[in-house]
């Protein structure tokens, strides 16, 4: 019942043939029948002047290093605070579960 149904070899298409016949004999008319003069290509704009290479001074390198350090510290602070918030939430949920379990257990015992 769950076995694949494979057609017999005489009806199966060969790998080199297509099931869709090729479209032949279709001729599209030209979009325009008027005779225009060929359009000259637009002139190529001149290349912009070469930009000077970026020069790093010791001061700019120091500013870039300080900025990178500040970004890393801010991202680290945000990630640590998110982890701390998750830990505090988990601890408070666990504490609430313990209190509820204790209240329900005392209620059943009396």
PDB file of N, CA and C in Angstrom:
ATOM      1  N   UNK A   1       0.818  -1.190   0.000  1.00  0.00           N
ATOM      2  CA  UNK A   1       0.000   0.000   0.000  1.00  0.00           C
ATOM      3  C   UNK A   1       0.865   1.259   0.000  1.00  0.00           C
ATOM      4  N   UNK A   2       1.960   1.228   0.744  1.00  0.00           N
ATOM      5  CA  UNK A   2       2.810   2.409   0.830  1.00  0.00           C
ATOM      6  C   UNK A   2       4.026   2.339  -0.084  1.00  0.00           C
ATOM      7  N   UNK A   3       4.063   1.400  -0.971  1.00  0.00           N
ATOM      8  CA  UNK A   3       5.193   1.309  -1.895  1.00  0.00           C
ATOM      9  C   UNK A   3       4.989   2.284  -3.038  1.00  0.00           C
ATOM     10  N   UNK A   4       6.060   2.872  -3.559  1.00  0.00           N
ATOM     11  CA  UNK A   4       5.904   3.833  -4.652  1.00  0.00           C
ATOM     12  C   UNK A   4       5.456   3.135  -5.935  1.00  0.00           C
ATOM     13  N   UNK A   5       4.651   3.826  -6.694  1.00  0.00           N
ATOM     14  CA  UNK A   5       4.175   3.303  -7.967  1.00  0.00           C
ATOM     15  C   UNK A   5       5.073   3.849  -9.073  1.00  0.00           C
ATOM     16  N   UNK A   6       5.911   3.001  -9.615  1.00  0.00           N
ATOM     17  CA  UNK A   6       6.842   3.406 -10.661  1.00  0.00           C
ATOM     18  C   UNK A   6       6.273   2.931 -11.988  1.00  0.00           C
ATOM     19  N   UNK A   7       6.212   3.807 -13.016  1.00  0.00           N
ATOM     20  CA  UNK A   7       5.673   3.356 -14.305  1.00  0.00           C
ATOM     21  C   UNK A   7       6.599   2.338 -14.951  1.00  0.00           C
ATOM     22  N   UNK A   8       6.043   1.493 -15.776  1.00  0.00           N
ATOM     23  CA  UNK A   8       6.893   0.517 -16.466  1.00  0.00           C
ATOM     24  C   UNK A   8       7.903   1.236 -17.361  1.00  0.00           C
ATOM     25  N   UNK A   9       9.017   0.598 -17.664  1.00  0.00           N
ATOM     26  CA  UNK A   9      10.082   1.267 -18.420  1.00  0.00           C
ATOM     27  C   UNK A   9       9.644   1.745 -19.807  1.00  0.00           C
ATOM     28  N   UNK A  10       8.655   1.119 -20.431  1.00  0.00           N
ATOM     29  CA  UNK A  10       8.308   1.547 -21.788  1.00  0.00           C
ATOM     30  C   UNK A  10       7.522   2.854 -21.790  1.00  0.00           C
ATOM     31  N   UNK A  11       6.884   3.269 -20.668  1.00  0.00           N
ATOM     32  CA  UNK A  11       6.126   4.519 -20.643  1.00  0.00           C
ATOM     33  C   UNK A  11       6.856   5.637 -19.921  1.00  0.00           C
ATOM     34  N   UNK A  12       7.906   5.325 -19.208  1.00  0.00           N
ATOM     35  CA  UNK A  12       8.631   6.358 -18.484  1.00  0.00           C
ATOM     36  C   UNK A  12       9.414   7.221 -19.462  1.00  0.00           C
ATOM     37  N   UNK A  13       9.428   8.557 -19.251  1.00  0.00           N
ATOM     38  CA  UNK A  13      10.217   9.416 -20.136  1.00  0.00           C
ATOM     39  C   UNK A  13      11.706   9.188 -19.908  1.00  0.00           C
ATOM     40  N   UNK A  14      12.473   9.333 -20.967  1.00  0.00           N
ATOM     41  CA  UNK A  14      13.929   9.194 -20.843  1.00  0.00           C
ATOM     42  C   UNK A  14      14.492  10.476 -20.251  1.00  0.00           C
ATOM     43  N   UNK A  15      15.633  10.404 -19.602  1.00  0.00           N
ATOM     44  CA  UNK A  15      16.178  11.597 -18.957  1.00  0.00           C
ATOM     45  C   UNK A  15      16.472  12.735 -19.927  1.00  0.00           C
ATOM     46  N   UNK A  16      16.743  12.472 -21.185  1.00  0.00           N
ATOM     47  CA  UNK A  16      17.106  13.532 -22.116  1.00  0.00           C
ATOM     48  C   UNK A  16      15.910  14.208 -22.765  1.00  0.00           C
ATOM     49  N   UNK A  17      14.708  13.696 -22.573  1.00  0.00           N
ATOM     50  CA  UNK A  17      13.542  14.284 -23.222  1.00  0.00           C
ATOM     51  C   UNK A  17      12.731  15.088 -22.225  1.00  0.00           C
ATOM     52  N   UNK A  18      11.916  15.980 -22.748  1.00  0.00           N
ATOM     53  CA  UNK A  18      11.066  16.812 -21.921  1.00  0.00           C
ATOM     54  C   UNK A  18       9.614  16.441 -22.171  1.00  0.00           C
ATOM     55  N   UNK A  19       8.788  16.576 -21.171  1.00  0.00           N
ATOM     56  CA  UNK A  19       7.368  16.302 -21.322  1.00  0.00           C
ATOM     57  C   UNK A  19       6.635  17.451 -22.002  1.00  0.00           C
ATOM     58  N   UNK A  20       7.247  18.631 -22.029  1.00  0.00           N
ATOM     59  CA  UNK A  20       6.630  19.805 -22.648  1.00  0.00           C
ATOM     60  C   UNK A  20       7.221  19.977 -24.040  1.00  0.00           C
ATOM     61  N   UNK A  21       6.378  20.055 -25.080  1.00  0.00           N
ATOM     62  CA  UNK A  21       6.933  20.248 -26.418  1.00  0.00           C
ATOM     63  C   UNK A  21       7.495  21.662 -26.563  1.00  0.00           C
ATOM     64  N   UNK A  22       8.575  21.832 -27.314  1.00  0.00           N
ATOM     65  CA  UNK A  22       9.158  23.169 -27.473  1.00  0.00           C
ATOM     66  C   UNK A  22       8.232  24.064 -28.295  1.00  0.00           C
ATOM     67  N   UNK A  23       8.250  25.345 -27.984  1.00  0.00           N
ATOM     68  CA  UNK A  23       7.449  26.323 -28.724  1.00  0.00           C
ATOM     69  C   UNK A  23       8.212  26.722 -29.987  1.00  0.00           C
ATOM     70  N   UNK A  24       7.623  26.473 -31.118  1.00  0.00           N
ATOM     71  CA  UNK A  24       8.265  26.846 -32.378  1.00  0.00           C
ATOM     72  C   UNK A  24       7.252  27.606 -33.226  1.00  0.00           C
ATOM     73  N   UNK A  25       7.745  28.437 -34.100  1.00  0.00           N
ATOM     74  CA  UNK A  25       6.888  29.158 -35.014  1.00  0.00           C
ATOM     75  C   UNK A  25       6.295  30.426 -34.435  1.00  0.00           C
ATOM     76  N   UNK A  26       6.668  30.800 -33.210  1.00  0.00           N
ATOM     77  CA  UNK A  26       6.161  32.049 -32.652  1.00  0.00           C
ATOM     78  C   UNK A  26       7.068  33.189 -33.078  1.00  0.00           C
ATOM     79  N   UNK A  27       6.483  34.173 -33.747  1.00  0.00           N
ATOM     80  CA  UNK A  27       7.247  35.348 -34.188  1.00  0.00           C
ATOM     81  C   UNK A  27       6.550  36.566 -33.617  1.00  0.00           C
ATOM     82  N   UNK A  28       7.277  37.370 -32.893  1.00  0.00           N
ATOM     83  CA  UNK A  28       6.722  38.587 -32.330  1.00  0.00           C
ATOM     84  C   UNK A  28       6.976  39.737 -33.292  1.00  0.00           C
ATOM     85  N   UNK A  29       5.963  40.590 -33.508  1.00  0.00           N
ATOM     86  CA  UNK A  29       6.190  41.757 -34.370  1.00  0.00           C
ATOM     87  C   UNK A  29       7.074  42.760 -33.640  1.00  0.00           C
ATOM     88  N   UNK A  30       7.772  43.576 -34.370  1.00  0.00           N
ATOM     89  CA  UNK A  30       8.608  44.593 -33.712  1.00  0.00           C
ATOM     90  C   UNK A  30       7.729  45.581 -32.950  1.00  0.00           C
ATOM     91  N   UNK A  31       8.279  46.185 -31.936  1.00  0.00           N
ATOM     92  CA  UNK A  31       7.526  47.120 -31.113  1.00  0.00           C
ATOM     93  C   UNK A  31       7.169  48.370 -31.891  1.00  0.00           C
ATOM     94  N   UNK A  32       7.985  48.740 -32.833  1.00  0.00           N
ATOM     95  CA  UNK A  32       7.751  49.982 -33.574  1.00  0.00           C
ATOM     96  C   UNK A  32       8.154  49.747 -35.024  1.00  0.00           C
ATOM     97  N   UNK A  33       7.317  50.189 -35.955  1.00  0.00           N
ATOM     98  CA  UNK A  33       7.625  49.966 -37.372  1.00  0.00           C
ATOM     99  C   UNK A  33       8.203  51.208 -38.032  1.00  0.00           C
ATOM    100  N   UNK A  34       8.322  52.304 -37.288  1.00  0.00           N
ATOM    101  CA  UNK A  34       8.899  53.516 -37.884  1.00  0.00           C
ATOM    102  C   UNK A  34      10.419  53.377 -37.951  1.00  0.00           C
ATOM    103  N   UNK A  35      11.008  54.183 -38.786  1.00  0.00           N
ATOM    104  CA  UNK A  35      12.456  54.089 -39.006  1.00  0.00           C
ATOM    105  C   UNK A  35      13.133  55.272 -38.345  1.00  0.00           C
ATOM    106  N   UNK A  36      13.750  54.981 -37.215  1.00  0.00           N
ATOM    107  CA  UNK A  36      14.477  56.039 -36.488  1.00  0.00           C
ATOM    108  C   UNK A  36      15.944  55.974 -36.852  1.00  0.00           C
ATOM    109  N   UNK A  37      16.574  57.140 -36.729  1.00  0.00           N
ATOM    110  CA  UNK A  37      18.026  57.173 -36.894  1.00  0.00           C
ATOM    111  C   UNK A  37      18.636  56.543 -35.650  1.00  0.00           C
ATOM    112  N   UNK A  38      19.718  55.820 -35.790  1.00  0.00           N
ATOM    113  CA  UNK A  38      20.337  55.215 -34.603  1.00  0.00           C
ATOM    114  C   UNK A  38      20.736  56.287 -33.601  1.00  0.00           C
ATOM    115  N   UNK A  39      20.516  55.978 -32.353  1.00  0.00           N
ATOM    116  CA  UNK A  39      20.830  56.925 -31.282  1.00  0.00           C
ATOM    117  C   UNK A  39      22.293  56.752 -30.897  1.00  0.00           C
ATOM    118  N   UNK A  40      22.986  57.888 -30.833  1.00  0.00           N
ATOM    119  CA  UNK A  40      24.401  57.858 -30.453  1.00  0.00           C
ATOM    120  C   UNK A  40      24.494  57.567 -28.955  1.00  0.00           C
ATOM    121  N   UNK A  41      25.464  56.780 -28.540  1.00  0.00           N
ATOM    122  CA  UNK A  41      25.604  56.501 -27.109  1.00  0.00           C
ATOM    123  C   UNK A  41      25.961  57.767 -26.344  1.00  0.00           C
ATOM    124  N   UNK A  42      25.492  57.811 -25.108  1.00  0.00           N
ATOM    125  CA  UNK A  42      25.774  58.973 -24.266  1.00  0.00           C
ATOM    126  C   UNK A  42      27.263  59.023 -23.956  1.00  0.00           C
ATOM    127  N   UNK A  43      27.810  60.229 -23.859  1.00  0.00           N
ATOM    128  CA  UNK A  43      29.236  60.318 -23.525  1.00  0.00           C
ATOM    129  C   UNK A  43      29.490  59.802 -22.111  1.00  0.00           C
ATOM    130  N   UNK A  44      30.608  59.150 -21.955  1.00  0.00           N
ATOM    131  CA  UNK A  44      30.986  58.598 -20.659  1.00  0.00           C
ATOM    132  C   UNK A  44      31.525  59.734 -19.795  1.00  0.00           C
ATOM    133  N   UNK A  45      30.975  59.919 -18.576  1.00  0.00           N
ATOM    134  CA  UNK A  45      31.483  60.997 -17.732  1.00  0.00           C
ATOM    135  C   UNK A  45      32.916  60.703 -17.288  1.00  0.00           C
ATOM    136  N   UNK A  46      33.643  61.775 -17.099  1.00  0.00           N
ATOM    137  CA  UNK A  46      35.042  61.637 -16.678  1.00  0.00           C
ATOM    138  C   UNK A  46      35.082  61.083 -15.250  1.00  0.00           C
ATOM    139  N   UNK A  47      36.100  60.311 -14.956  1.00  0.00           N
ATOM    140  CA  UNK A  47      36.252  59.730 -13.623  1.00  0.00           C
ATOM    141  C   UNK A  47      36.510  60.842 -12.617  1.00  0.00           C
ATOM    142  N   UNK A  48      35.930  60.730 -11.410  1.00  0.00           N
ATOM    143  CA  UNK A  48      36.187  61.758 -10.399  1.00  0.00           C
ATOM    144  C   UNK A  48      37.652  61.703  -9.975  1.00  0.00           C
ATOM    145  N   UNK A  49      38.154  62.809  -9.493  1.00  0.00           N
ATOM    146  CA  UNK A  49      39.564  62.806  -9.068  1.00  0.00           C
ATOM    147  C   UNK A  49      39.775  61.823  -7.918  1.00  0.00           C
ATOM    148  N   UNK A  50      40.947  61.243  -7.886  1.00  0.00           N
ATOM    149  CA  UNK A  50      41.269  60.250  -6.867  1.00  0.00           C
ATOM    150  C   UNK A  50      41.236  60.895  -5.486  1.00  0.00           C
ATOM    151  N   UNK A  51      40.628  60.174  -4.526  1.00  0.00           N
ATOM    152  CA  UNK A  51      40.561  60.683  -3.164  1.00  0.00           C
ATOM    153  C   UNK A  51      41.869  60.365  -2.449  1.00  0.00           C
ATOM    154  N   UNK A  52      42.287  61.252  -1.575  1.00  0.00           N
ATOM    155  CA  UNK A  52      43.527  60.969  -0.850  1.00  0.00           C
ATOM    156  C   UNK A  52      43.322  59.823   0.132  1.00  0.00           C
ATOM    157  N   UNK A  53      44.374  59.097   0.403  1.00  0.00           N
ATOM    158  CA  UNK A  53      44.308  57.983   1.348  1.00  0.00           C
ATOM    159  C   UNK A  53      44.071  58.519   2.755  1.00  0.00           C
ATOM    160  N   UNK A  54      43.398  57.724   3.576  1.00  0.00           N
ATOM    161  CA  UNK A  54      43.121  58.132   4.953  1.00  0.00           C
ATOM    162  C   UNK A  54      44.416  58.036   5.750  1.00  0.00           C
ATOM    163  N   UNK A  55      44.713  59.096   6.449  1.00  0.00           N
ATOM    164  CA  UNK A  55      45.930  59.132   7.266  1.00  0.00           C
ATOM    165  C   UNK A  55      45.533  59.063   8.737  1.00  0.00           C
ATOM    166  N   UNK A  56      46.014  58.048   9.442  1.00  0.00           N
ATOM    167  CA  UNK A  56      45.740  57.919  10.865  1.00  0.00           C
ATOM    168  C   UNK A  56      46.870  58.566  11.650  1.00  0.00           C
ATOM    169  N   UNK A  57      46.471  59.448  12.525  1.00  0.00           N
ATOM    170  CA  UNK A  57      47.449  60.046  13.432  1.00  0.00           C
ATOM    171  C   UNK A  57      47.373  59.293  14.754  1.00  0.00           C
ATOM    172  N   UNK A  58      48.378  59.435  15.604  1.00  0.00           N
ATOM    173  CA  UNK A  58      48.315  58.754  16.908  1.00  0.00           C
ATOM    174  C   UNK A  58      47.079  59.161  17.716  1.00  0.00           C
ATOM    175  N   UNK A  59      46.668  60.403  17.582  1.00  0.00           N
ATOM    176  CA  UNK A  59      45.483  60.862  18.311  1.00  0.00           C
ATOM    177  C   UNK A  59      44.216  60.190  17.810  1.00  0.00           C
ATOM    178  N   UNK A  60      44.095  60.051  16.489  1.00  0.00           N
ATOM    179  CA  UNK A  60      42.885  59.423  15.946  1.00  0.00           C
ATOM    180  C   UNK A  60      42.855  57.931  16.273  1.00  0.00           C
ATOM    181  N   UNK A  61      44.016  57.283  16.299  1.00  0.00           N
ATOM    182  CA  UNK A  61      44.052  55.878  16.700  1.00  0.00           C
ATOM    183  C   UNK A  61      43.647  55.717  18.161  1.00  0.00           C
ATOM    184  N   UNK A  62      44.075  56.645  19.004  1.00  0.00           N
ATOM    185  CA  UNK A  62      43.716  56.607  20.414  1.00  0.00           C
ATOM    186  C   UNK A  62      42.213  56.799  20.595  1.00  0.00           C
ATOM    187  N   UNK A  63      41.631  57.720  19.827  1.00  0.00           N
ATOM    188  CA  UNK A  63      40.183  57.953  19.900  1.00  0.00           C
ATOM    189  C   UNK A  63      39.431  56.716  19.410  1.00  0.00           C
ATOM    190  N   UNK A  64      39.885  56.084  18.330  1.00  0.00           N
ATOM    191  CA  UNK A  64      39.222  54.887  17.810  1.00  0.00           C
ATOM    192  C   UNK A  64      39.301  53.740  18.823  1.00  0.00           C
ATOM    193  N   UNK A  65      40.454  53.573  19.466  1.00  0.00           N
ATOM    194  CA  UNK A  65      40.595  52.516  20.472  1.00  0.00           C
ATOM    195  C   UNK A  65      39.705  52.792  21.676  1.00  0.00           C
ATOM    196  N   UNK A  66      39.632  54.041  22.108  1.00  0.00           N
ATOM    197  CA  UNK A  66      38.787  54.392  23.250  1.00  0.00           C
ATOM    198  C   UNK A  66      37.313  54.191  22.902  1.00  0.00           C
ATOM    199  N   UNK A  67      36.929  54.546  21.685  1.00  0.00           N
ATOM    200  CA  UNK A  67      35.539  54.344  21.267  1.00  0.00           C
ATOM    201  C   UNK A  67      35.171  52.875  21.202  1.00  0.00           C
ATOM    202  N   UNK A  68      36.071  52.047  20.660  1.00  0.00           N
ATOM    203  CA  UNK A  68      35.819  50.612  20.612  1.00  0.00           C
ATOM    204  C   UNK A  68      35.704  50.009  21.998  1.00  0.00           C
ATOM    205  N   UNK A  69      36.567  50.449  22.904  1.00  0.00           N
ATOM    206  CA  UNK A  69      36.509  49.963  24.281  1.00  0.00           C
ATOM    207  C   UNK A  69      35.201  50.367  24.948  1.00  0.00           C
ATOM    208  N   UNK A  70      34.763  51.601  24.699  1.00  0.00           N
ATOM    209  CA  UNK A  70      33.505  52.065  25.290  1.00  0.00           C
ATOM    210  C   UNK A  70      32.327  51.252  24.764  1.00  0.00           C
ATOM    211  N   UNK A  71      32.330  50.952  23.470  1.00  0.00           N
ATOM    212  CA  UNK A  71      31.237  50.154  22.892  1.00  0.00           C
ATOM    213  C   UNK A  71      31.216  48.763  23.512  1.00  0.00           C
ATOM    214  N   UNK A  72      32.378  48.154  23.651  1.00  0.00           N
ATOM    215  CA  UNK A  72      32.451  46.814  24.235  1.00  0.00           C
ATOM    216  C   UNK A  72      31.973  46.832  25.684  1.00  0.00           C
ATOM    217  N   UNK A  73      32.344  47.845  26.442  1.00  0.00           N
ATOM    218  CA  UNK A  73      31.914  47.931  27.835  1.00  0.00           C
ATOM    219  C   UNK A  73      30.404  48.139  27.945  1.00  0.00           C
ATOM    220  N   UNK A  74      29.844  48.967  27.083  1.00  0.00           N
ATOM    221  CA  UNK A  74      28.399  49.216  27.137  1.00  0.00           C
ATOM    222  C   UNK A  74      27.633  47.954  26.758  1.00  0.00           C
ATOM    223  N   UNK A  75      28.048  47.275  25.694  1.00  0.00           N
ATOM    224  CA  UNK A  75      27.363  46.044  25.278  1.00  0.00           C
ATOM    225  C   UNK A  75      27.501  44.979  26.355  1.00  0.00           C
ATOM    226  N   UNK A  76      28.662  44.853  26.961  1.00  0.00           N
ATOM    227  CA  UNK A  76      28.858  43.886  28.041  1.00  0.00           C
ATOM    228  C   UNK A  76      27.987  44.198  29.241  1.00  0.00           C
ATOM    229  N   UNK A  77      27.867  45.483  29.595  1.00  0.00           N
ATOM    230  CA  UNK A  77      27.025  45.871  30.719  1.00  0.00           C
ATOM    231  C   UNK A  77      25.565  45.530  30.457  1.00  0.00           C
ATOM    232  N   UNK A  78      25.109  45.784  29.242  1.00  0.00           N
ATOM    233  CA  UNK A  78      23.716  45.475  28.891  1.00  0.00           C
ATOM    234  C   UNK A  78      23.470  43.970  28.957  1.00  0.00           C
ATOM    235  N   UNK A  79      24.393  43.186  28.418  1.00  0.00           N
ATOM    236  CA  UNK A  79      24.208  41.738  28.436  1.00  0.00           C
ATOM    237  C   UNK A  79      24.235  41.174  29.852  1.00  0.00           C
ATOM    238  N   UNK A  80      25.132  41.664  30.681  1.00  0.00           N
ATOM    239  CA  UNK A  80      25.202  41.186  32.065  1.00  0.00           C
ATOM    240  C   UNK A  80      23.947  41.584  32.833  1.00  0.00           C
ATOM    241  N   UNK A  81      23.444  42.795  32.601  1.00  0.00           N
ATOM    242  CA  UNK A  81      22.224  43.212  33.306  1.00  0.00           C
ATOM    243  C   UNK A  81      21.023  42.387  32.862  1.00  0.00           C
ATOM    244  N   UNK A  82      20.966  42.005  31.579  1.00  0.00           N
ATOM    245  CA  UNK A  82      19.870  41.136  31.119  1.00  0.00           C
ATOM    246  C   UNK A  82      19.966  39.758  31.772  1.00  0.00           C
ATOM    247  N   UNK A  83      21.176  39.227  31.892  1.00  0.00           N
ATOM    248  CA  UNK A  83      21.362  37.932  32.543  1.00  0.00           C
ATOM    249  C   UNK A  83      20.985  38.007  34.024  1.00  0.00           C
ATOM    250  N   UNK A  84      21.356  39.099  34.671  1.00  0.00           N
ATOM    251  CA  UNK A  84      21.015  39.280  36.082  1.00  0.00           C
ATOM    252  C   UNK A  84      19.506  39.401  36.257  1.00  0.00           C
ATOM    253  N   UNK A  85      18.833  40.117  35.370  1.00  0.00           N
ATOM    254  CA  UNK A  85      17.373  40.243  35.459  1.00  0.00           C
ATOM    255  C   UNK A  85      16.708  38.885  35.283  1.00  0.00           C
ATOM    256  N   UNK A  86      17.221  38.073  34.377  1.00  0.00           N
ATOM    257  CA  UNK A  86      16.669  36.732  34.179  1.00  0.00           C
ATOM    258  C   UNK A  86      16.876  35.879  35.427  1.00  0.00           C
ATOM    259  N   UNK A  87      18.048  35.959  36.045  1.00  0.00           N
ATOM    260  CA  UNK A  87      18.326  35.171  37.248  1.00  0.00           C
ATOM    261  C   UNK A  87      17.432  35.603  38.404  1.00  0.00           C
ATOM    262  N   UNK A  88      17.235  36.905  38.564  1.00  0.00           N
ATOM    263  CA  UNK A  88      16.384  37.400  39.650  1.00  0.00           C
ATOM    264  C   UNK A  88      14.941  36.960  39.426  1.00  0.00           C
ATOM    265  N   UNK A  89      14.474  37.030  38.173  1.00  0.00           N
ATOM    266  CA  UNK A  89      13.110  36.601  37.873  1.00  0.00           C
ATOM    267  C   UNK A  89      12.940  35.118  38.159  1.00  0.00           C
ATOM    268  N   UNK A  90      13.906  34.304  37.759  1.00  0.00           N
ATOM    269  CA  UNK A  90      13.813  32.864  38.009  1.00  0.00           C
ATOM    270  C   UNK A  90      13.802  32.570  39.502  1.00  0.00           C
ATOM    271  N   UNK A  91      14.617  33.272  40.269  1.00  0.00           N
ATOM    272  CA  UNK A  91      14.652  33.048  41.716  1.00  0.00           C
ATOM    273  C   UNK A  91      13.334  33.453  42.360  1.00  0.00           C
ATOM    274  N   UNK A  92      12.752  34.562  41.916  1.00  0.00           N
ATOM    275  CA  UNK A  92      11.483  34.990  42.512  1.00  0.00           C
ATOM    276  C   UNK A  92      10.351  34.041  42.148  1.00  0.00           C
ATOM    277  N   UNK A  93      10.342  33.509  40.925  1.00  0.00           N
ATOM    278  CA  UNK A  93       9.316  32.530  40.545  1.00  0.00           C
ATOM    279  C   UNK A  93       9.480  31.258  41.366  1.00  0.00           C
ATOM    280  N   UNK A  94      10.711  30.826  41.582  1.00  0.00           N
ATOM    281  CA  UNK A  94      10.948  29.638  42.403  1.00  0.00           C
ATOM    282  C   UNK A  94      10.500  29.871  43.843  1.00  0.00           C
ATOM    283  N   UNK A  95      10.765  31.043  44.377  1.00  0.00           N
ATOM    284  CA  UNK A  95      10.342  31.362  45.746  1.00  0.00           C
ATOM    285  C   UNK A  95       8.818  31.378  45.848  1.00  0.00           C
ATOM    286  N   UNK A  96       8.149  31.966  44.870  1.00  0.00           N
ATOM    287  CA  UNK A  96       6.678  31.972  44.867  1.00  0.00           C
ATOM    288  C   UNK A  96       6.134  30.545  44.781  1.00  0.00           C
ATOM    289  N   UNK A  97       6.765  29.697  43.989  1.00  0.00           N
ATOM    290  CA  UNK A  97       6.307  28.308  43.880  1.00  0.00           C
ATOM    291  C   UNK A  97       6.466  27.589  45.208  1.00  0.00           C
ATOM    292  N   UNK A  98       7.560  27.835  45.906  1.00  0.00           N
ATOM    293  CA  UNK A  98       7.762  27.185  47.202  1.00  0.00           C
ATOM    294  C   UNK A  98       6.733  27.653  48.222  1.00  0.00           C
ATOM    295  N   UNK A  99       6.428  28.941  48.230  1.00  0.00           N
ATOM    296  CA  UNK A  99       5.441  29.474  49.176  1.00  0.00           C
ATOM    297  C   UNK A  99       4.066  28.907  48.869  1.00  0.00           C
ATOM    298  N   UNK A 100       3.693  28.867  47.604  1.00  0.00           N
ATOM    299  CA  UNK A 100       2.387  28.315  47.239  1.00  0.00           C
ATOM    300  C   UNK A 100       2.295  26.831  47.601  1.00  0.00           C
ATOM    301  N   UNK A 101       3.357  26.098  47.346  1.00  0.00           N
ATOM    302  CA  UNK A 101       3.352  24.667  47.686  1.00  0.00           C
ATOM    303  C   UNK A 101       3.209  24.475  49.193  1.00  0.00           C
ATOM    304  N   UNK A 102       3.904  25.308  49.947  1.00  0.00           N
ATOM    305  CA  UNK A 102       3.816  25.214  51.404  1.00  0.00           C
ATOM    306  C   UNK A 102       2.412  25.559  51.883  1.00  0.00           C
ATOM    307  N   UNK A 103       1.786  26.587  51.303  1.00  0.00           N
ATOM    308  CA  UNK A 103       0.435  26.959  51.710  1.00  0.00           C
ATOM    309  C   UNK A 103      -0.570  25.868  51.351  1.00  0.00           C
ATOM    310  N   UNK A 104      -0.433  25.295  50.173  1.00  0.00           N
ATOM    311  CA  UNK A 104      -1.356  24.249  49.765  1.00  0.00           C
ATOM    312  C   UNK A 104      -1.155  22.974  50.591  1.00  0.00           C
ATOM    313  N   UNK A 105       0.063  22.682  50.971  1.00  0.00           N
ATOM    314  CA  UNK A 105       0.335  21.497  51.777  1.00  0.00           C
ATOM    315  C   UNK A 105      -0.255  21.679  53.178  1.00  0.00           C
ATOM    316  N   UNK A 106      -0.095  22.847  53.770  1.00  0.00           N
ATOM    317  CA  UNK A 106      -0.652  23.122  55.092  1.00  0.00           C
ATOM    318  C   UNK A 106      -2.175  23.083  55.039  1.00  0.00           C
ATOM    319  N   UNK A 107      -2.756  23.494  53.966  1.00  0.00           N
ATOM    320  CA  UNK A 107      -4.219  23.510  53.833  1.00  0.00           C
ATOM    321  C   UNK A 107      -4.767  22.082  53.765  1.00  0.00           C
ATOM    322  N   UNK A 108      -4.039  21.190  53.071  1.00  0.00           N
ATOM    323  CA  UNK A 108      -4.473  19.804  52.960  1.00  0.00           C
ATOM    324  C   UNK A 108      -4.319  19.061  54.283  1.00  0.00           C
ATOM    325  N   UNK A 109      -3.282  19.412  55.065  1.00  0.00           N
ATOM    326  CA  UNK A 109      -3.016  18.729  56.313  1.00  0.00           C
ATOM    327  C   UNK A 109      -4.046  19.055  57.384  1.00  0.00           C
ATOM    328  N   UNK A 110      -4.626  20.237  57.359  1.00  0.00           N
ATOM    329  CA  UNK A 110      -5.589  20.612  58.412  1.00  0.00           C
ATOM    330  C   UNK A 110      -6.988  20.201  58.098  1.00  0.00           C
TER     331      UNK A 110
END
